[in-house]
Amino acid sequence: MDVVGMGLHDYFQIIRHPMDLGTMKSKLNKGLYPSPLEFADIKLTFNDALLYNPKGHEVHKLIDQFLQLFEGLFCLAFEKYEKQ
């Protein structure tokens, strides 16, 4: 994520453990997610967005919905994975 190019000059002061979808895609392509539990990096991505964008902001609202959807789908997928 190009925080400077996006004008997010305070991003690294607010976000201590940055994760973004581009980094996740790269890790996925390199096989660095050996188990579904490690794919939970997506939660870090969502939590970073929630922390950076104030409550009431459009991004905050959208990410909050994504996080709820992910939680439900991830639980189902992980249960299926454990049964295999």
PDB file of N, CA and C in Angstrom:
ATOM      1  N   MET A   1       0.851  -1.170   0.000  1.00  0.00           N
ATOM      2  CA  MET A   1       0.000   0.000   0.000  1.00  0.00           C
ATOM      3  C   MET A   1       0.898   1.234   0.000  1.00  0.00           C
ATOM      4  N   ASP A   2       0.641   2.143  -0.885  1.00  0.00           N
ATOM      5  CA  ASP A   2       1.435   3.365  -1.014  1.00  0.00           C
ATOM      6  C   ASP A   2       0.821   4.459  -0.147  1.00  0.00           C
ATOM      7  N   VAL A   3       1.165   4.452   1.138  1.00  0.00           N
ATOM      8  CA  VAL A   3       0.555   5.408   2.066  1.00  0.00           C
ATOM      9  C   VAL A   3       0.953   6.844   1.747  1.00  0.00           C
ATOM     10  N   VAL A   4       2.165   7.061   1.262  1.00  0.00           N
ATOM     11  CA  VAL A   4       2.602   8.413   0.913  1.00  0.00           C
ATOM     12  C   VAL A   4       1.833   8.901  -0.310  1.00  0.00           C
ATOM     13  N   GLY A   5       1.758   8.058  -1.332  1.00  0.00           N
ATOM     14  CA  GLY A   5       1.033   8.417  -2.543  1.00  0.00           C
ATOM     15  C   GLY A   5      -0.452   8.667  -2.302  1.00  0.00           C
ATOM     16  N   MET A   6      -0.988   7.995  -1.287  1.00  0.00           N
ATOM     17  CA  MET A   6      -2.404   8.169  -0.948  1.00  0.00           C
ATOM     18  C   MET A   6      -2.620   9.328   0.026  1.00  0.00           C
ATOM     19  N   GLY A   7      -1.524   9.958   0.455  1.00  0.00           N
ATOM     20  CA  GLY A   7      -1.643  11.094   1.366  1.00  0.00           C
ATOM     21  C   GLY A   7      -1.934  10.700   2.805  1.00  0.00           C
ATOM     22  N   LEU A   8      -1.609   9.485   3.168  1.00  0.00           N
ATOM     23  CA  LEU A   8      -1.877   8.994   4.525  1.00  0.00           C
ATOM     24  C   LEU A   8      -0.611   9.149   5.373  1.00  0.00           C
ATOM     25  N   HIS A   9      -0.181  10.382   5.565  1.00  0.00           N
ATOM     26  CA  HIS A   9       1.106  10.668   6.192  1.00  0.00           C
ATOM     27  C   HIS A   9       1.197  10.226   7.649  1.00  0.00           C
ATOM     28  N   ASP A  10       0.083  10.078   8.312  1.00  0.00           N
ATOM     29  CA  ASP A  10       0.094   9.658   9.723  1.00  0.00           C
ATOM     30  C   ASP A  10      -0.203   8.167   9.888  1.00  0.00           C
ATOM     31  N   TYR A  11      -0.285   7.449   8.791  1.00  0.00           N
ATOM     32  CA  TYR A  11      -0.701   6.047   8.823  1.00  0.00           C
ATOM     33  C   TYR A  11       0.157   5.201   9.767  1.00  0.00           C
ATOM     34  N   PHE A  12       1.466   5.305   9.649  1.00  0.00           N
ATOM     35  CA  PHE A  12       2.349   4.462  10.462  1.00  0.00           C
ATOM     36  C   PHE A  12       2.451   4.934  11.911  1.00  0.00           C
ATOM     37  N   GLN A  13       1.945   6.116  12.196  1.00  0.00           N
ATOM     38  CA  GLN A  13       1.852   6.568  13.587  1.00  0.00           C
ATOM     39  C   GLN A  13       0.630   5.948  14.255  1.00  0.00           C
ATOM     40  N   ILE A  14      -0.383   5.662  13.466  1.00  0.00           N
ATOM     41  CA  ILE A  14      -1.636   5.098  13.983  1.00  0.00           C
ATOM     42  C   ILE A  14      -1.631   3.578  13.890  1.00  0.00           C
ATOM     43  N   ILE A  15      -1.157   3.053  12.777  1.00  0.00           N
ATOM     44  CA  ILE A  15      -1.175   1.611  12.520  1.00  0.00           C
ATOM     45  C   ILE A  15       0.201   1.024  12.830  1.00  0.00           C
ATOM     46  N   ARG A  16       0.252   0.193  13.850  1.00  0.00           N
ATOM     47  CA  ARG A  16       1.530  -0.378  14.303  1.00  0.00           C
ATOM     48  C   ARG A  16       1.904  -1.678  13.582  1.00  0.00           C
ATOM     49  N   HIS A  17       0.922  -2.443  13.126  1.00  0.00           N
ATOM     50  CA  HIS A  17       1.169  -3.719  12.439  1.00  0.00           C
ATOM     51  C   HIS A  17       0.414  -3.704  11.109  1.00  0.00           C
ATOM     52  N   PRO A  18       0.945  -2.980  10.125  1.00  0.00           N
ATOM     53  CA  PRO A  18       0.220  -2.839   8.860  1.00  0.00           C
ATOM     54  C   PRO A  18       0.112  -4.146   8.072  1.00  0.00           C
ATOM     55  N   MET A  19      -1.044  -4.321   7.480  1.00  0.00           N
ATOM     56  CA  MET A  19      -1.301  -5.441   6.577  1.00  0.00           C
ATOM     57  C   MET A  19      -2.295  -4.917   5.547  1.00  0.00           C
ATOM     58  N   ASP A  20      -2.104  -5.304   4.301  1.00  0.00           N
ATOM     59  CA  ASP A  20      -3.020  -4.867   3.252  1.00  0.00           C
ATOM     60  C   ASP A  20      -3.279  -6.026   2.299  1.00  0.00           C
ATOM     61  N   LEU A  21      -4.278  -5.867   1.466  1.00  0.00           N
ATOM     62  CA  LEU A  21      -4.681  -6.947   0.564  1.00  0.00           C
ATOM     63  C   LEU A  21      -3.591  -7.290  -0.452  1.00  0.00           C
ATOM     64  N   GLY A  22      -2.817  -6.312  -0.881  1.00  0.00           N
ATOM     65  CA  GLY A  22      -1.728  -6.582  -1.818  1.00  0.00           C
ATOM     66  C   GLY A  22      -0.666  -7.479  -1.203  1.00  0.00           C
ATOM     67  N   THR A  23      -0.331  -7.207   0.053  1.00  0.00           N
ATOM     68  CA  THR A  23       0.638  -8.043   0.767  1.00  0.00           C
ATOM     69  C   THR A  23       0.081  -9.442   0.958  1.00  0.00           C
ATOM     70  N   MET A  24      -1.197  -9.524   1.287  1.00  0.00           N
ATOM     71  CA  MET A  24      -1.831 -10.832   1.460  1.00  0.00           C
ATOM     72  C   MET A  24      -1.807 -11.624   0.154  1.00  0.00           C
ATOM     73  N   LYS A  25      -2.096 -10.958  -0.953  1.00  0.00           N
ATOM     74  CA  LYS A  25      -2.090 -11.640  -2.256  1.00  0.00           C
ATOM     75  C   LYS A  25      -0.697 -12.190  -2.552  1.00  0.00           C
ATOM     76  N   SER A  26       0.313 -11.389  -2.289  1.00  0.00           N
ATOM     77  CA  SER A  26       1.693 -11.826  -2.507  1.00  0.00           C
ATOM     78  C   SER A  26       2.037 -13.031  -1.631  1.00  0.00           C
ATOM     79  N   LYS A  27       1.650 -12.979  -0.359  1.00  0.00           N
ATOM     80  CA  LYS A  27       1.912 -14.098   0.554  1.00  0.00           C
ATOM     81  C   LYS A  27       1.166 -15.353   0.102  1.00  0.00           C
ATOM     82  N   LEU A  28      -0.055 -15.179  -0.370  1.00  0.00           N
ATOM     83  CA  LEU A  28      -0.863 -16.303  -0.842  1.00  0.00           C
ATOM     84  C   LEU A  28      -0.210 -16.949  -2.065  1.00  0.00           C
ATOM     85  N   ASN A  29       0.239 -16.121  -3.005  1.00  0.00           N
ATOM     86  CA  ASN A  29       0.895 -16.629  -4.213  1.00  0.00           C
ATOM     87  C   ASN A  29       2.203 -17.352  -3.913  1.00  0.00           C
ATOM     88  N   LYS A  30       2.854 -16.975  -2.818  1.00  0.00           N
ATOM     89  CA  LYS A  30       4.117 -17.606  -2.422  1.00  0.00           C
ATOM     90  C   LYS A  30       3.905 -18.810  -1.510  1.00  0.00           C
ATOM     91  N   GLY A  31       2.647 -19.146  -1.240  1.00  0.00           N
ATOM     92  CA  GLY A  31       2.347 -20.292  -0.386  1.00  0.00           C
ATOM     93  C   GLY A  31       2.652 -20.059   1.081  1.00  0.00           C
ATOM     94  N   LEU A  32       2.587 -18.812   1.506  1.00  0.00           N
ATOM     95  CA  LEU A  32       2.934 -18.479   2.887  1.00  0.00           C
ATOM     96  C   LEU A  32       1.753 -18.559   3.852  1.00  0.00           C
ATOM     97  N   TYR A  33       0.648 -19.096   3.381  1.00  0.00           N
ATOM     98  CA  TYR A  33      -0.500 -19.351   4.252  1.00  0.00           C
ATOM     99  C   TYR A  33      -0.739 -20.861   4.269  1.00  0.00           C
ATOM    100  N   PRO A  34       0.035 -21.604   5.058  1.00  0.00           N
ATOM    101  CA  PRO A  34      -0.097 -23.060   5.063  1.00  0.00           C
ATOM    102  C   PRO A  34      -1.380 -23.568   5.718  1.00  0.00           C
ATOM    103  N   SER A  35      -2.016 -22.739   6.513  1.00  0.00           N
ATOM    104  CA  SER A  35      -3.272 -23.162   7.134  1.00  0.00           C
ATOM    105  C   SER A  35      -4.261 -22.004   7.107  1.00  0.00           C
ATOM    106  N   PRO A  36      -5.546 -22.321   7.169  1.00  0.00           N
ATOM    107  CA  PRO A  36      -6.564 -21.270   7.164  1.00  0.00           C
ATOM    108  C   PRO A  36      -6.416 -20.281   8.317  1.00  0.00           C
ATOM    109  N   LEU A  37      -5.910 -20.732   9.448  1.00  0.00           N
ATOM    110  CA  LEU A  37      -5.749 -19.820  10.581  1.00  0.00           C
ATOM    111  C   LEU A  37      -4.822 -18.663  10.239  1.00  0.00           C
ATOM    112  N   GLU A  38      -3.810 -18.926   9.456  1.00  0.00           N
ATOM    113  CA  GLU A  38      -2.874 -17.868   9.095  1.00  0.00           C
ATOM    114  C   GLU A  38      -3.486 -16.887   8.103  1.00  0.00           C
ATOM    115  N   PHE A  39      -4.497 -17.324   7.372  1.00  0.00           N
ATOM    116  CA  PHE A  39      -5.190 -16.421   6.456  1.00  0.00           C
ATOM    117  C   PHE A  39      -5.980 -15.369   7.224  1.00  0.00           C
ATOM    118  N   ALA A  40      -6.057 -15.529   8.516  1.00  0.00           N
ATOM    119  CA  ALA A  40      -6.748 -14.542   9.344  1.00  0.00           C
ATOM    120  C   ALA A  40      -6.034 -13.190   9.317  1.00  0.00           C
ATOM    121  N   ASP A  41      -4.942 -13.068   8.563  1.00  0.00           N
ATOM    122  CA  ASP A  41      -4.325 -11.754   8.327  1.00  0.00           C
ATOM    123  C   ASP A  41      -5.369 -10.768   7.818  1.00  0.00           C
ATOM    124  N   ILE A  42      -6.387 -11.283   7.171  1.00  0.00           N
ATOM    125  CA  ILE A  42      -7.430 -10.398   6.647  1.00  0.00           C
ATOM    126  C   ILE A  42      -8.072  -9.614   7.786  1.00  0.00           C
ATOM    127  N   LYS A  43      -8.171 -10.242   8.959  1.00  0.00           N
ATOM    128  CA  LYS A  43      -8.725  -9.527  10.115  1.00  0.00           C
ATOM    129  C   LYS A  43      -7.826  -8.366  10.507  1.00  0.00           C
ATOM    130  N   LEU A  44      -6.517  -8.561  10.405  1.00  0.00           N
ATOM    131  CA  LEU A  44      -5.585  -7.472  10.692  1.00  0.00           C
ATOM    132  C   LEU A  44      -5.789  -6.340   9.693  1.00  0.00           C
ATOM    133  N   THR A  45      -5.971  -6.687   8.430  1.00  0.00           N
ATOM    134  CA  THR A  45      -6.234  -5.686   7.395  1.00  0.00           C
ATOM    135  C   THR A  45      -7.489  -4.889   7.726  1.00  0.00           C
ATOM    136  N   PHE A  46      -8.561  -5.593   8.066  1.00  0.00           N
ATOM    137  CA  PHE A  46      -9.815  -4.927   8.402  1.00  0.00           C
ATOM    138  C   PHE A  46      -9.681  -4.090   9.668  1.00  0.00           C
ATOM    139  N   ASN A  47      -9.017  -4.635  10.681  1.00  0.00           N
ATOM    140  CA  ASN A  47      -8.856  -3.890  11.931  1.00  0.00           C
ATOM    141  C   ASN A  47      -8.003  -2.641  11.739  1.00  0.00           C
ATOM    142  N   ASP A  48      -6.992  -2.719  10.876  1.00  0.00           N
ATOM    143  CA  ASP A  48      -6.200  -1.530  10.551  1.00  0.00           C
ATOM    144  C   ASP A  48      -7.091  -0.454   9.933  1.00  0.00           C
ATOM    145  N   ALA A  49      -7.947  -0.857   9.011  1.00  0.00           N
ATOM    146  CA  ALA A  49      -8.844   0.098   8.352  1.00  0.00           C
ATOM    147  C   ALA A  49      -9.828   0.705   9.346  1.00  0.00           C
ATOM    148  N   LEU A  50     -10.321  -0.113  10.276  1.00  0.00           N
ATOM    149  CA  LEU A  50     -11.241   0.402  11.290  1.00  0.00           C
ATOM    150  C   LEU A  50     -10.538   1.385  12.217  1.00  0.00           C
ATOM    151  N   LEU A  51      -9.310   1.087  12.564  1.00  0.00           N
ATOM    152  CA  LEU A  51      -8.548   1.957  13.452  1.00  0.00           C
ATOM    153  C   LEU A  51      -8.195   3.275  12.771  1.00  0.00           C
ATOM    154  N   TYR A  52      -7.813   3.213  11.505  1.00  0.00           N
ATOM    155  CA  TYR A  52      -7.375   4.419  10.805  1.00  0.00           C
ATOM    156  C   TYR A  52      -8.538   5.340  10.430  1.00  0.00           C
ATOM    157  N   ASN A  53      -9.643   4.761  10.034  1.00  0.00           N
ATOM    158  CA  ASN A  53     -10.798   5.549   9.588  1.00  0.00           C
ATOM    159  C   ASN A  53     -11.783   5.712  10.737  1.00  0.00           C
ATOM    160  N   PRO A  54     -12.150   6.950  11.073  1.00  0.00           N
ATOM    161  CA  PRO A  54     -13.025   7.175  12.229  1.00  0.00           C
ATOM    162  C   PRO A  54     -14.414   6.564  12.042  1.00  0.00           C
ATOM    163  N   LYS A  55     -15.008   6.212  13.171  1.00  0.00           N
ATOM    164  CA  LYS A  55     -16.372   5.681  13.161  1.00  0.00           C
ATOM    165  C   LYS A  55     -17.279   6.688  12.457  1.00  0.00           C
ATOM    166  N   GLY A  56     -18.154   6.184  11.619  1.00  0.00           N
ATOM    167  CA  GLY A  56     -19.034   7.054  10.853  1.00  0.00           C
ATOM    168  C   GLY A  56     -18.510   7.319   9.446  1.00  0.00           C
ATOM    169  N   HIS A  57     -17.219   7.154   9.237  1.00  0.00           N
ATOM    170  CA  HIS A  57     -16.620   7.319   7.908  1.00  0.00           C
ATOM    171  C   HIS A  57     -17.101   6.177   7.021  1.00  0.00           C
ATOM    172  N   GLU A  58     -17.288   6.452   5.746  1.00  0.00           N
ATOM    173  CA  GLU A  58     -17.786   5.456   4.790  1.00  0.00           C
ATOM    174  C   GLU A  58     -16.921   4.190   4.788  1.00  0.00           C
ATOM    175  N   VAL A  59     -15.609   4.357   4.813  1.00  0.00           N
ATOM    176  CA  VAL A  59     -14.703   3.201   4.814  1.00  0.00           C
ATOM    177  C   VAL A  59     -14.904   2.380   6.082  1.00  0.00           C
ATOM    178  N   HIS A  60     -15.029   3.043   7.216  1.00  0.00           N
ATOM    179  CA  HIS A  60     -15.224   2.354   8.494  1.00  0.00           C
ATOM    180  C   HIS A  60     -16.506   1.517   8.451  1.00  0.00           C
ATOM    181  N   LYS A  61     -17.576   2.100   7.950  1.00  0.00           N
ATOM    182  CA  LYS A  61     -18.856   1.379   7.863  1.00  0.00           C
ATOM    183  C   LYS A  61     -18.729   0.144   6.967  1.00  0.00           C
ATOM    184  N   LEU A  62     -18.106   0.317   5.819  1.00  0.00           N
ATOM    185  CA  LEU A  62     -17.961  -0.778   4.859  1.00  0.00           C
ATOM    186  C   LEU A  62     -17.085  -1.898   5.424  1.00  0.00           C
ATOM    187  N   ILE A  63     -15.971  -1.536   6.026  1.00  0.00           N
ATOM    188  CA  ILE A  63     -15.064  -2.541   6.582  1.00  0.00           C
ATOM    189  C   ILE A  63     -15.716  -3.268   7.746  1.00  0.00           C
ATOM    190  N   ASP A  64     -16.499  -2.579   8.530  1.00  0.00           N
ATOM    191  CA  ASP A  64     -17.217  -3.223   9.633  1.00  0.00           C
ATOM    192  C   ASP A  64     -18.143  -4.316   9.085  1.00  0.00           C
ATOM    193  N   GLN A  65     -18.811  -4.036   7.977  1.00  0.00           N
ATOM    194  CA  GLN A  65     -19.674  -5.037   7.340  1.00  0.00           C
ATOM    195  C   GLN A  65     -18.844  -6.205   6.795  1.00  0.00           C
ATOM    196  N   PHE A  66     -17.720  -5.903   6.149  1.00  0.00           N
ATOM    197  CA  PHE A  66     -16.831  -6.954   5.628  1.00  0.00           C
ATOM    198  C   PHE A  66     -16.334  -7.858   6.748  1.00  0.00           C
ATOM    199  N   LEU A  67     -15.960  -7.254   7.872  1.00  0.00           N
ATOM    200  CA  LEU A  67     -15.427  -8.022   8.992  1.00  0.00           C
ATOM    201  C   LEU A  67     -16.479  -8.974   9.543  1.00  0.00           C
ATOM    202  N   GLN A  68     -17.704  -8.504   9.665  1.00  0.00           N
ATOM    203  CA  GLN A  68     -18.785  -9.372  10.142  1.00  0.00           C
ATOM    204  C   GLN A  68     -19.029 -10.520   9.169  1.00  0.00           C
ATOM    205  N   LEU A  69     -19.036 -10.224   7.889  1.00  0.00           N
ATOM    206  CA  LEU A  69     -19.228 -11.251   6.870  1.00  0.00           C
ATOM    207  C   LEU A  69     -18.078 -12.261   6.909  1.00  0.00           C
ATOM    208  N   PHE A  70     -16.856 -11.763   7.001  1.00  0.00           N
ATOM    209  CA  PHE A  70     -15.692 -12.642   7.058  1.00  0.00           C
ATOM    210  C   PHE A  70     -15.758 -13.570   8.262  1.00  0.00           C
ATOM    211  N   GLU A  71     -16.098 -13.032   9.420  1.00  0.00           N
ATOM    212  CA  GLU A  71     -16.162 -13.846  10.641  1.00  0.00           C
ATOM    213  C   GLU A  71     -17.078 -15.052  10.437  1.00  0.00           C
ATOM    214  N   GLY A  72     -18.258 -14.809   9.886  1.00  0.00           N
ATOM    215  CA  GLY A  72     -19.207 -15.894   9.656  1.00  0.00           C
ATOM    216  C   GLY A  72     -18.694 -16.914   8.656  1.00  0.00           C
ATOM    217  N   LEU A  73     -18.187 -16.435   7.532  1.00  0.00           N
ATOM    218  CA  LEU A  73     -17.700 -17.333   6.488  1.00  0.00           C
ATOM    219  C   LEU A  73     -16.435 -18.070   6.917  1.00  0.00           C
ATOM    220  N   PHE A  74     -15.558 -17.393   7.634  1.00  0.00           N
ATOM    221  CA  PHE A  74     -14.315 -18.021   8.069  1.00  0.00           C
ATOM    222  C   PHE A  74     -14.591 -19.147   9.054  1.00  0.00           C
ATOM    223  N   CYS A  75     -15.514 -18.926   9.967  1.00  0.00           N
ATOM    224  CA  CYS A  75     -15.852 -19.974  10.939  1.00  0.00           C
ATOM    225  C   CYS A  75     -16.364 -21.222  10.230  1.00  0.00           C
ATOM    226  N   LEU A  76     -17.242 -21.039   9.264  1.00  0.00           N
ATOM    227  CA  LEU A  76     -17.769 -22.177   8.506  1.00  0.00           C
ATOM    228  C   LEU A  76     -16.661 -22.890   7.731  1.00  0.00           C
ATOM    229  N   ALA A  77     -15.817 -22.128   7.068  1.00  0.00           N
ATOM    230  CA  ALA A  77     -14.737 -22.720   6.273  1.00  0.00           C
ATOM    231  C   ALA A  77     -13.728 -23.438   7.168  1.00  0.00           C
ATOM    232  N   PHE A  78     -13.442 -22.870   8.330  1.00  0.00           N
ATOM    233  CA  PHE A  78     -12.468 -23.495   9.221  1.00  0.00           C
ATOM    234  C   PHE A  78     -13.014 -24.798   9.798  1.00  0.00           C
ATOM    235  N   GLU A  79     -14.292 -24.817  10.124  1.00  0.00           N
ATOM    236  CA  GLU A  79     -14.908 -26.057  10.616  1.00  0.00           C
ATOM    237  C   GLU A  79     -14.802 -27.151   9.555  1.00  0.00           C
ATOM    238  N   LYS A  80     -15.069 -26.790   8.311  1.00  0.00           N
ATOM    239  CA  LYS A  80     -14.971 -27.745   7.204  1.00  0.00           C
ATOM    240  C   LYS A  80     -13.525 -28.224   7.049  1.00  0.00           C
ATOM    241  N   TYR A  81     -12.570 -27.326   7.163  1.00  0.00           N
ATOM    242  CA  TYR A  81     -11.148 -27.662   7.054  1.00  0.00           C
ATOM    243  C   TYR A  81     -10.737 -28.642   8.150  1.00  0.00           C
ATOM    244  N   GLU A  82     -11.190 -28.412   9.373  1.00  0.00           N
ATOM    245  CA  GLU A  82     -10.821 -29.280  10.497  1.00  0.00           C
ATOM    246  C   GLU A  82     -11.374 -30.691  10.342  1.00  0.00           C
ATOM    247  N   LYS A  83     -12.514 -30.829   9.677  1.00  0.00           N
ATOM    248  CA  LYS A  83     -13.132 -32.147   9.495  1.00  0.00           C
ATOM    249  C   LYS A  83     -12.405 -32.977   8.441  1.00  0.00           C
ATOM    250  N   GLN A  84     -11.602 -32.346   7.615  1.00  0.00           N
ATOM    251  CA  GLN A  84     -10.895 -33.070   6.541  1.00  0.00           C
ATOM    252  C   GLN A  84      -9.727 -33.852   7.068  1.00  0.00           C
TER     253      GLN A  84
END
